[in-house]
N, C-alpha and C. Protein backbone atom coordinates (compact mmCIF):
# COMPACT_ATOMS: atom_id res chain seq x y z
N UNK A 1 8.51 -8.67 18.63
CA UNK A 1 7.46 -8.05 17.75
C UNK A 1 6.75 -7.19 18.67
N UNK A 2 6.26 -5.89 18.15
CA UNK A 2 5.45 -5.04 19.00
C UNK A 2 4.10 -5.39 18.62
N UNK A 3 3.14 -5.47 19.73
CA UNK A 3 1.81 -5.79 19.60
C UNK A 3 1.18 -4.52 18.83
N UNK A 4 0.18 -4.79 17.91
CA UNK A 4 -0.52 -3.83 17.09
C UNK A 4 -1.43 -3.04 18.13
N UNK A 5 -1.30 -1.60 17.93
CA UNK A 5 -2.25 -0.59 18.58
C UNK A 5 -2.28 0.38 17.50
N UNK A 6 -3.57 0.52 16.99
CA UNK A 6 -3.77 1.47 15.78
C UNK A 6 -3.45 2.93 16.31
N UNK A 7 -3.34 3.30 17.69
CA UNK A 7 -3.15 4.57 18.20
C UNK A 7 -1.71 4.68 18.37
N UNK A 8 -0.85 3.70 18.07
CA UNK A 8 0.63 3.81 18.53
C UNK A 8 1.38 3.37 17.20
N UNK A 9 1.01 3.99 16.08
CA UNK A 9 1.54 3.58 14.68
C UNK A 9 2.39 4.88 14.38
N UNK A 10 3.57 4.40 13.80
CA UNK A 10 4.36 5.60 13.06
C UNK A 10 3.99 5.99 11.84
N UNK A 11 3.67 7.24 11.61
CA UNK A 11 3.19 7.72 10.28
C UNK A 11 4.38 8.01 9.33
N UNK A 12 4.39 7.82 8.13
CA UNK A 12 5.35 7.99 7.26
C UNK A 12 6.10 9.44 7.38
N UNK A 13 7.34 9.41 7.25
CA UNK A 13 8.01 10.74 7.47
C UNK A 13 7.98 11.58 6.22
N UNK A 14 7.49 11.16 5.13
CA UNK A 14 7.17 11.93 3.99
C UNK A 14 6.08 12.91 4.35
N UNK A 15 6.24 14.13 4.08
CA UNK A 15 5.15 15.25 4.52
C UNK A 15 3.77 15.03 4.09
N UNK A 16 3.84 14.93 2.69
CA UNK A 16 2.43 14.65 2.16
C UNK A 16 1.76 13.46 2.53
N UNK A 17 2.50 12.47 2.55
CA UNK A 17 1.89 11.10 3.00
C UNK A 17 1.32 11.08 4.47
N UNK A 18 2.19 11.91 5.35
CA UNK A 18 1.81 12.07 6.71
C UNK A 18 0.39 12.80 6.85
N UNK A 19 0.47 13.75 6.21
CA UNK A 19 -0.81 14.80 6.08
C UNK A 19 -1.94 14.05 5.64
N UNK A 20 -1.77 13.27 4.51
CA UNK A 20 -2.95 12.57 4.05
C UNK A 20 -3.35 11.39 4.98
N UNK A 21 -2.41 10.68 5.48
CA UNK A 21 -2.67 9.57 6.51
C UNK A 21 -3.59 10.17 7.77
N UNK A 22 -3.14 11.31 8.26
CA UNK A 22 -3.77 11.91 9.31
C UNK A 22 -5.13 12.33 9.10
N UNK A 23 -5.39 13.03 7.93
CA UNK A 23 -6.70 13.41 7.42
C UNK A 23 -7.47 12.26 7.30
N UNK A 24 -7.10 11.12 6.64
CA UNK A 24 -7.81 9.94 6.38
C UNK A 24 -8.26 9.29 7.84
N UNK A 25 -7.42 9.10 8.62
CA UNK A 25 -7.53 8.54 9.94
C UNK A 25 -8.54 9.52 10.79
N UNK A 26 -8.12 10.70 11.04
CA UNK A 26 -8.87 11.59 11.88
C UNK A 26 -10.32 11.92 11.37
N UNK A 27 -10.73 11.82 10.09
CA UNK A 27 -12.02 11.83 9.50
C UNK A 27 -12.73 10.53 9.58
N UNK A 28 -12.10 9.56 10.13
CA UNK A 28 -12.92 8.30 10.21
C UNK A 28 -12.94 7.60 8.85
N UNK A 29 -12.07 7.99 7.89
CA UNK A 29 -12.18 7.34 6.55
C UNK A 29 -13.08 8.11 5.58
N UNK A 30 -13.51 9.29 5.87
CA UNK A 30 -14.40 10.07 5.01
C UNK A 30 -13.70 11.15 4.09
N UNK A 31 -12.38 11.35 4.54
CA UNK A 31 -11.71 12.51 3.72
C UNK A 31 -10.26 11.92 3.47
N UNK A 32 -9.66 12.29 2.45
CA UNK A 32 -8.27 11.88 2.09
C UNK A 32 -8.33 10.60 1.33
N UNK A 33 -9.44 10.39 0.67
CA UNK A 33 -9.69 9.08 0.12
C UNK A 33 -9.07 8.80 -1.25
N UNK A 34 -8.40 9.81 -2.00
CA UNK A 34 -7.91 9.84 -3.27
C UNK A 34 -6.54 10.45 -3.32
N UNK A 35 -5.73 9.99 -4.32
CA UNK A 35 -4.48 10.64 -4.60
C UNK A 35 -4.60 10.86 -6.21
N UNK A 36 -4.56 12.13 -6.58
CA UNK A 36 -4.71 12.50 -7.92
C UNK A 36 -5.75 11.77 -8.47
N UNK A 37 -6.90 11.75 -7.85
CA UNK A 37 -8.08 11.14 -8.41
C UNK A 37 -8.20 9.58 -8.32
N UNK A 38 -7.16 9.07 -7.67
CA UNK A 38 -7.32 7.43 -7.73
C UNK A 38 -7.49 7.02 -6.27
N UNK A 39 -8.29 5.90 -6.05
CA UNK A 39 -8.67 5.55 -4.69
C UNK A 39 -7.43 5.34 -3.72
N UNK A 40 -7.43 5.52 -2.54
CA UNK A 40 -6.30 5.17 -1.66
C UNK A 40 -6.83 4.60 -0.44
N UNK A 41 -5.82 3.81 0.22
CA UNK A 41 -6.09 3.13 1.51
C UNK A 41 -4.93 3.31 2.34
N UNK A 42 -5.15 3.11 3.73
CA UNK A 42 -4.04 3.00 4.59
C UNK A 42 -3.50 1.60 4.93
N UNK A 43 -2.25 1.38 4.93
CA UNK A 43 -1.75 0.06 5.32
C UNK A 43 -0.88 0.31 6.52
N UNK A 44 -1.14 -0.39 7.61
CA UNK A 44 -0.09 -0.36 8.74
C UNK A 44 0.47 -1.70 8.70
N UNK A 45 1.88 -1.51 8.80
CA UNK A 45 2.69 -2.77 8.73
C UNK A 45 3.87 -2.74 9.74
N UNK A 46 4.36 -3.99 9.89
CA UNK A 46 5.51 -4.15 10.94
C UNK A 46 6.87 -3.66 10.16
N UNK A 47 7.71 -2.85 10.80
CA UNK A 47 8.91 -2.53 10.17
C UNK A 47 9.76 -3.73 10.14
N UNK A 48 10.49 -4.06 9.28
CA UNK A 48 11.38 -5.25 9.21
C UNK A 48 12.58 -5.14 10.09
N UNK A 49 13.01 -3.81 10.24
CA UNK A 49 14.24 -3.67 11.01
C UNK A 49 13.89 -3.10 12.44
N UNK A 50 12.86 -2.16 12.46
CA UNK A 50 12.51 -1.49 13.81
C UNK A 50 11.75 -2.39 14.62
N UNK A 51 10.90 -3.08 14.09
CA UNK A 51 9.90 -3.81 14.79
C UNK A 51 8.86 -3.13 15.44
N UNK A 52 8.64 -2.00 14.83
CA UNK A 52 7.56 -0.94 15.14
C UNK A 52 6.53 -0.88 14.00
N UNK A 53 5.33 -0.55 14.26
CA UNK A 53 4.24 -0.48 13.29
C UNK A 53 4.33 0.94 12.69
N UNK A 54 4.08 0.77 11.38
CA UNK A 54 4.13 2.05 10.59
C UNK A 54 2.98 2.19 9.67
N UNK A 55 2.67 3.34 9.29
CA UNK A 55 1.50 3.66 8.27
C UNK A 55 1.89 4.26 7.19
N UNK A 56 1.34 4.02 6.00
CA UNK A 56 1.54 4.64 4.74
C UNK A 56 0.13 4.65 3.91
N UNK A 57 0.12 5.62 2.90
CA UNK A 57 -0.93 5.81 2.07
C UNK A 57 -0.64 5.25 0.75
N UNK A 58 -1.54 4.39 0.21
CA UNK A 58 -1.12 3.76 -1.09
C UNK A 58 -2.51 3.78 -1.97
N UNK A 59 -2.26 3.98 -3.32
CA UNK A 59 -3.25 3.77 -4.16
C UNK A 59 -3.66 2.40 -4.41
N UNK A 60 -4.94 2.02 -4.63
CA UNK A 60 -5.20 0.60 -4.70
C UNK A 60 -6.18 0.19 -5.85
N UNK A 61 -6.14 -0.86 -6.38
CA UNK A 61 -6.94 -1.47 -7.28
C UNK A 61 -7.65 -2.65 -6.74
N UNK A 62 -8.66 -3.36 -7.41
CA UNK A 62 -9.28 -4.45 -6.86
C UNK A 62 -9.24 -5.55 -7.72
N UNK A 63 -9.32 -6.80 -7.00
CA UNK A 63 -9.18 -8.08 -7.83
C UNK A 63 -10.29 -8.96 -7.02
N UNK A 64 -11.48 -8.92 -7.49
CA UNK A 64 -12.57 -9.52 -6.59
C UNK A 64 -12.57 -8.79 -5.19
N UNK A 65 -12.65 -9.56 -4.16
CA UNK A 65 -12.59 -9.06 -2.95
C UNK A 65 -11.30 -8.44 -2.28
N UNK A 66 -10.21 -8.80 -3.03
CA UNK A 66 -8.95 -8.39 -2.57
C UNK A 66 -8.64 -7.01 -3.06
N UNK A 67 -7.71 -6.44 -2.38
CA UNK A 67 -7.17 -5.05 -2.72
C UNK A 67 -5.68 -5.35 -3.21
N UNK A 68 -5.27 -4.38 -4.21
CA UNK A 68 -3.97 -4.63 -4.92
C UNK A 68 -3.24 -3.19 -4.81
N UNK A 69 -2.14 -3.41 -4.23
CA UNK A 69 -1.21 -2.21 -4.09
C UNK A 69 0.16 -2.40 -5.05
N UNK A 70 0.73 -1.29 -5.42
CA UNK A 70 1.81 -1.35 -6.36
C UNK A 70 3.02 -0.74 -5.56
N UNK A 71 4.11 -1.52 -5.67
CA UNK A 71 5.33 -1.08 -5.03
C UNK A 71 6.13 -0.37 -5.96
N UNK A 72 5.85 0.87 -6.57
CA UNK A 72 6.22 1.55 -7.65
C UNK A 72 7.44 2.51 -7.29
N UNK A 73 7.38 3.07 -6.18
CA UNK A 73 8.35 4.10 -5.82
C UNK A 73 8.60 5.08 -6.90
N UNK A 74 7.57 5.34 -7.63
CA UNK A 74 7.79 6.41 -8.62
C UNK A 74 8.73 5.86 -9.71
N UNK A 75 8.99 4.75 -9.92
CA UNK A 75 9.87 4.15 -10.94
C UNK A 75 11.31 4.00 -10.48
N UNK A 76 11.60 4.24 -9.15
CA UNK A 76 12.97 4.08 -8.58
C UNK A 76 13.49 2.78 -8.86
N UNK A 77 14.72 2.59 -8.87
CA UNK A 77 15.54 1.44 -8.97
C UNK A 77 15.43 0.50 -7.76
N UNK A 78 14.93 1.06 -6.55
CA UNK A 78 14.97 0.25 -5.39
C UNK A 78 13.48 0.05 -4.98
N UNK A 79 13.14 -1.11 -4.32
CA UNK A 79 11.85 -1.22 -3.79
C UNK A 79 11.55 -0.20 -2.63
N UNK A 80 10.37 0.16 -2.53
CA UNK A 80 9.96 1.03 -1.25
C UNK A 80 10.14 0.14 -0.06
N UNK A 81 10.51 1.00 1.08
CA UNK A 81 10.80 0.25 2.45
C UNK A 81 9.46 -0.43 2.88
N UNK A 82 8.39 0.14 2.61
CA UNK A 82 7.14 -0.61 3.19
C UNK A 82 6.99 -1.93 2.37
N UNK A 83 7.41 -2.07 1.21
CA UNK A 83 7.28 -3.40 0.44
C UNK A 83 8.20 -4.33 1.10
N UNK A 84 9.48 -3.99 1.39
CA UNK A 84 10.38 -4.94 2.05
C UNK A 84 9.81 -5.41 3.22
N UNK A 85 9.18 -4.51 4.01
CA UNK A 85 8.52 -4.86 5.40
C UNK A 85 7.54 -5.84 5.06
N UNK A 86 6.59 -5.53 4.16
CA UNK A 86 5.44 -6.48 4.01
C UNK A 86 5.95 -7.91 3.63
N UNK A 87 6.95 -7.77 2.77
CA UNK A 87 7.51 -9.21 2.31
C UNK A 87 7.99 -10.00 3.49
N UNK A 88 8.61 -9.27 4.38
CA UNK A 88 9.14 -10.05 5.52
C UNK A 88 8.05 -10.27 6.60
N UNK A 89 7.12 -9.41 6.74
CA UNK A 89 6.14 -9.51 7.74
C UNK A 89 4.71 -9.32 7.08
N UNK A 90 4.07 -10.26 6.44
CA UNK A 90 2.96 -10.10 5.54
C UNK A 90 1.53 -9.86 6.41
N UNK A 91 1.52 -9.92 7.78
CA UNK A 91 0.34 -9.65 8.46
C UNK A 91 0.16 -8.08 8.67
N UNK A 92 -0.84 -7.38 8.03
CA UNK A 92 -0.99 -6.14 8.08
C UNK A 92 -2.44 -5.67 8.40
N UNK A 93 -2.49 -4.39 8.59
CA UNK A 93 -3.86 -3.77 8.95
C UNK A 93 -4.15 -2.76 7.95
N UNK A 94 -5.35 -2.85 7.46
CA UNK A 94 -5.66 -1.99 6.41
C UNK A 94 -6.95 -1.09 6.65
N UNK A 95 -6.98 0.24 6.23
CA UNK A 95 -8.19 0.94 6.42
C UNK A 95 -8.56 1.34 4.91
N UNK A 96 -9.77 1.00 4.53
CA UNK A 96 -10.38 1.53 3.20
C UNK A 96 -11.60 2.35 3.71
N UNK A 97 -11.59 3.53 3.42
CA UNK A 97 -12.78 4.33 3.86
C UNK A 97 -13.05 4.14 5.43
N UNK A 98 -14.04 3.93 5.90
CA UNK A 98 -14.42 3.79 7.23
C UNK A 98 -14.14 2.36 7.86
N UNK A 99 -13.96 1.51 6.88
CA UNK A 99 -13.70 0.14 7.28
C UNK A 99 -12.15 -0.18 7.55
N UNK A 100 -11.88 -0.93 8.77
CA UNK A 100 -10.64 -1.29 9.10
C UNK A 100 -10.63 -2.80 9.23
N UNK A 101 -9.55 -3.48 8.70
CA UNK A 101 -9.56 -4.89 8.76
C UNK A 101 -7.96 -5.51 8.74
N UNK A 102 -7.95 -6.62 9.29
CA UNK A 102 -6.62 -7.36 9.29
C UNK A 102 -6.51 -8.02 7.77
N UNK A 103 -5.35 -8.02 7.29
CA UNK A 103 -5.12 -8.67 6.02
C UNK A 103 -3.79 -9.32 5.93
N UNK A 104 -3.55 -10.19 4.82
CA UNK A 104 -2.24 -10.89 4.48
C UNK A 104 -1.87 -10.28 3.24
N UNK A 105 -0.50 -9.91 3.25
CA UNK A 105 -0.04 -9.35 2.00
C UNK A 105 0.68 -10.31 1.11
N UNK A 106 0.64 -10.47 -0.01
CA UNK A 106 1.20 -11.48 -0.93
C UNK A 106 1.58 -10.78 -2.26
N UNK A 107 2.93 -10.93 -2.55
CA UNK A 107 3.36 -10.64 -3.80
C UNK A 107 2.92 -11.36 -5.01
N UNK A 108 2.16 -10.80 -6.07
CA UNK A 108 1.73 -11.63 -7.12
C UNK A 108 2.86 -12.27 -7.95
N UNK A 109 2.52 -13.43 -8.63
CA UNK A 109 3.46 -13.93 -9.46
C UNK A 109 3.41 -13.25 -10.83
N UNK A 110 4.33 -13.46 -11.61
CA UNK A 110 4.51 -12.77 -12.86
C UNK A 110 3.17 -12.94 -13.73
N UNK A 111 2.53 -14.11 -13.83
CA UNK A 111 1.32 -14.36 -14.51
C UNK A 111 0.14 -13.39 -13.90
N UNK A 112 0.04 -13.46 -12.54
CA UNK A 112 -1.09 -12.84 -11.84
C UNK A 112 -0.86 -11.28 -12.18
N UNK A 113 0.44 -10.81 -11.95
CA UNK A 113 0.61 -9.24 -12.35
C UNK A 113 0.21 -9.02 -13.70
N UNK A 114 0.60 -9.78 -14.74
CA UNK A 114 0.17 -9.53 -15.99
C UNK A 114 -1.27 -9.42 -16.32
N UNK A 115 -1.95 -10.33 -15.42
CA UNK A 115 -3.48 -10.28 -15.66
C UNK A 115 -4.06 -9.00 -14.97
N UNK A 116 -3.53 -8.51 -13.87
CA UNK A 116 -4.27 -7.35 -13.23
C UNK A 116 -3.55 -6.01 -13.61
N UNK A 117 -2.35 -6.13 -14.36
CA UNK A 117 -1.61 -4.74 -14.40
C UNK A 117 -2.52 -3.87 -15.39
N UNK A 118 -3.19 -4.27 -16.48
CA UNK A 118 -4.06 -3.24 -17.21
C UNK A 118 -5.13 -2.56 -16.34
N UNK A 119 -5.71 -3.25 -15.46
CA UNK A 119 -6.59 -2.62 -14.42
C UNK A 119 -5.81 -1.62 -13.57
N UNK A 120 -4.70 -1.92 -13.03
CA UNK A 120 -3.98 -0.91 -12.27
C UNK A 120 -3.52 0.25 -13.02
N UNK A 121 -3.24 0.17 -14.20
CA UNK A 121 -2.79 1.40 -15.08
C UNK A 121 -4.06 2.17 -15.38
N UNK A 122 -5.28 1.47 -15.40
CA UNK A 122 -6.35 2.14 -15.54
C UNK A 122 -6.71 2.99 -14.33
N UNK A 123 -6.46 2.51 -13.21
CA UNK A 123 -6.58 3.07 -11.92
C UNK A 123 -5.57 4.31 -11.75
N UNK A 124 -4.46 4.05 -12.11
CA UNK A 124 -3.45 5.19 -11.90
C UNK A 124 -2.41 4.96 -13.11
N UNK A 125 -2.59 5.73 -14.26
CA UNK A 125 -1.88 5.82 -15.45
C UNK A 125 -0.33 5.77 -15.36
N UNK A 126 0.19 6.65 -14.43
CA UNK A 126 1.55 6.62 -14.20
C UNK A 126 2.31 5.43 -14.02
N UNK A 127 1.62 4.38 -13.44
CA UNK A 127 2.43 3.10 -13.26
C UNK A 127 3.07 2.63 -14.50
N UNK A 128 2.51 2.75 -15.70
CA UNK A 128 3.01 2.30 -16.88
C UNK A 128 4.47 2.99 -17.05
N UNK A 129 4.52 4.36 -16.91
CA UNK A 129 5.74 5.15 -17.08
C UNK A 129 6.72 4.70 -16.04
N UNK A 130 6.34 4.49 -14.72
CA UNK A 130 7.09 4.04 -13.71
C UNK A 130 7.94 2.77 -14.08
N UNK A 131 7.22 1.81 -14.72
CA UNK A 131 7.72 0.45 -14.98
C UNK A 131 8.67 0.70 -16.09
N UNK A 132 8.47 1.60 -17.09
CA UNK A 132 9.52 1.77 -18.18
C UNK A 132 10.77 2.60 -17.63
N UNK A 133 10.63 3.34 -16.54
CA UNK A 133 11.81 4.02 -16.00
C UNK A 133 12.83 3.23 -15.36
N UNK A 134 12.38 1.92 -15.01
CA UNK A 134 13.30 1.06 -14.18
C UNK A 134 13.45 -0.28 -14.74
N UNK A 135 14.60 -0.84 -14.47
CA UNK A 135 14.79 -2.41 -14.91
C UNK A 135 14.14 -3.26 -13.83
N UNK A 136 13.83 -2.76 -12.70
CA UNK A 136 13.37 -3.39 -11.39
C UNK A 136 11.92 -3.80 -11.97
N UNK A 137 11.48 -5.06 -11.75
CA UNK A 137 10.18 -5.52 -11.95
C UNK A 137 9.32 -4.95 -10.71
N UNK A 138 8.36 -4.09 -11.06
CA UNK A 138 7.60 -3.54 -10.05
C UNK A 138 6.72 -4.43 -9.45
N UNK A 139 6.72 -4.72 -8.03
CA UNK A 139 5.78 -5.83 -7.46
C UNK A 139 4.45 -5.31 -7.31
N UNK A 140 3.53 -6.21 -7.44
CA UNK A 140 2.13 -5.85 -7.19
C UNK A 140 1.74 -6.82 -5.94
N UNK A 141 1.21 -6.24 -5.01
CA UNK A 141 0.81 -6.93 -3.69
C UNK A 141 -0.62 -7.18 -3.56
N UNK A 142 -1.14 -8.33 -3.19
CA UNK A 142 -2.46 -8.58 -2.91
C UNK A 142 -2.76 -8.46 -1.49
N UNK A 143 -3.70 -7.69 -0.93
CA UNK A 143 -4.15 -7.68 0.44
C UNK A 143 -5.30 -8.38 0.54
N UNK A 144 -5.23 -9.54 1.27
CA UNK A 144 -6.44 -10.53 1.25
C UNK A 144 -6.94 -10.48 2.81
N UNK A 145 -8.22 -10.07 2.92
CA UNK A 145 -8.78 -9.97 4.23
C UNK A 145 -8.46 -11.40 5.07
N UNK A 146 -8.18 -11.22 6.16
CA UNK A 146 -7.96 -12.48 6.93
C UNK A 146 -7.64 -12.26 8.31
């Protein structure tokens, strides 16, 4: 496993994600804070196959002090790669605005997802359409400070 160094993280190869992640990071968390009007954060995670640290930008909701992220992949039938990595390596690093902290990622149970799903759809309405597009149960992940 590669030791975490926030200056040595691979940014998503998806052009718009990379641009937003750089803006977010280079501004010290003062710019790039939303996607289509919804709040977003940065997650640094250990790649399950590469063993290297990666960074992506994700929309988030809240559940008390915890942050919630949705592994929607736009309603694709496959999980996003970041989700598979978090599932295998739940210790992550998160940036929300100017604040950076270590967290543990945990996939919510069906009951917990049902409880928070309406809030997440309020945060980003397309999640409902994404779930309708796929037979895959879209996971919701809790990021708990720790």
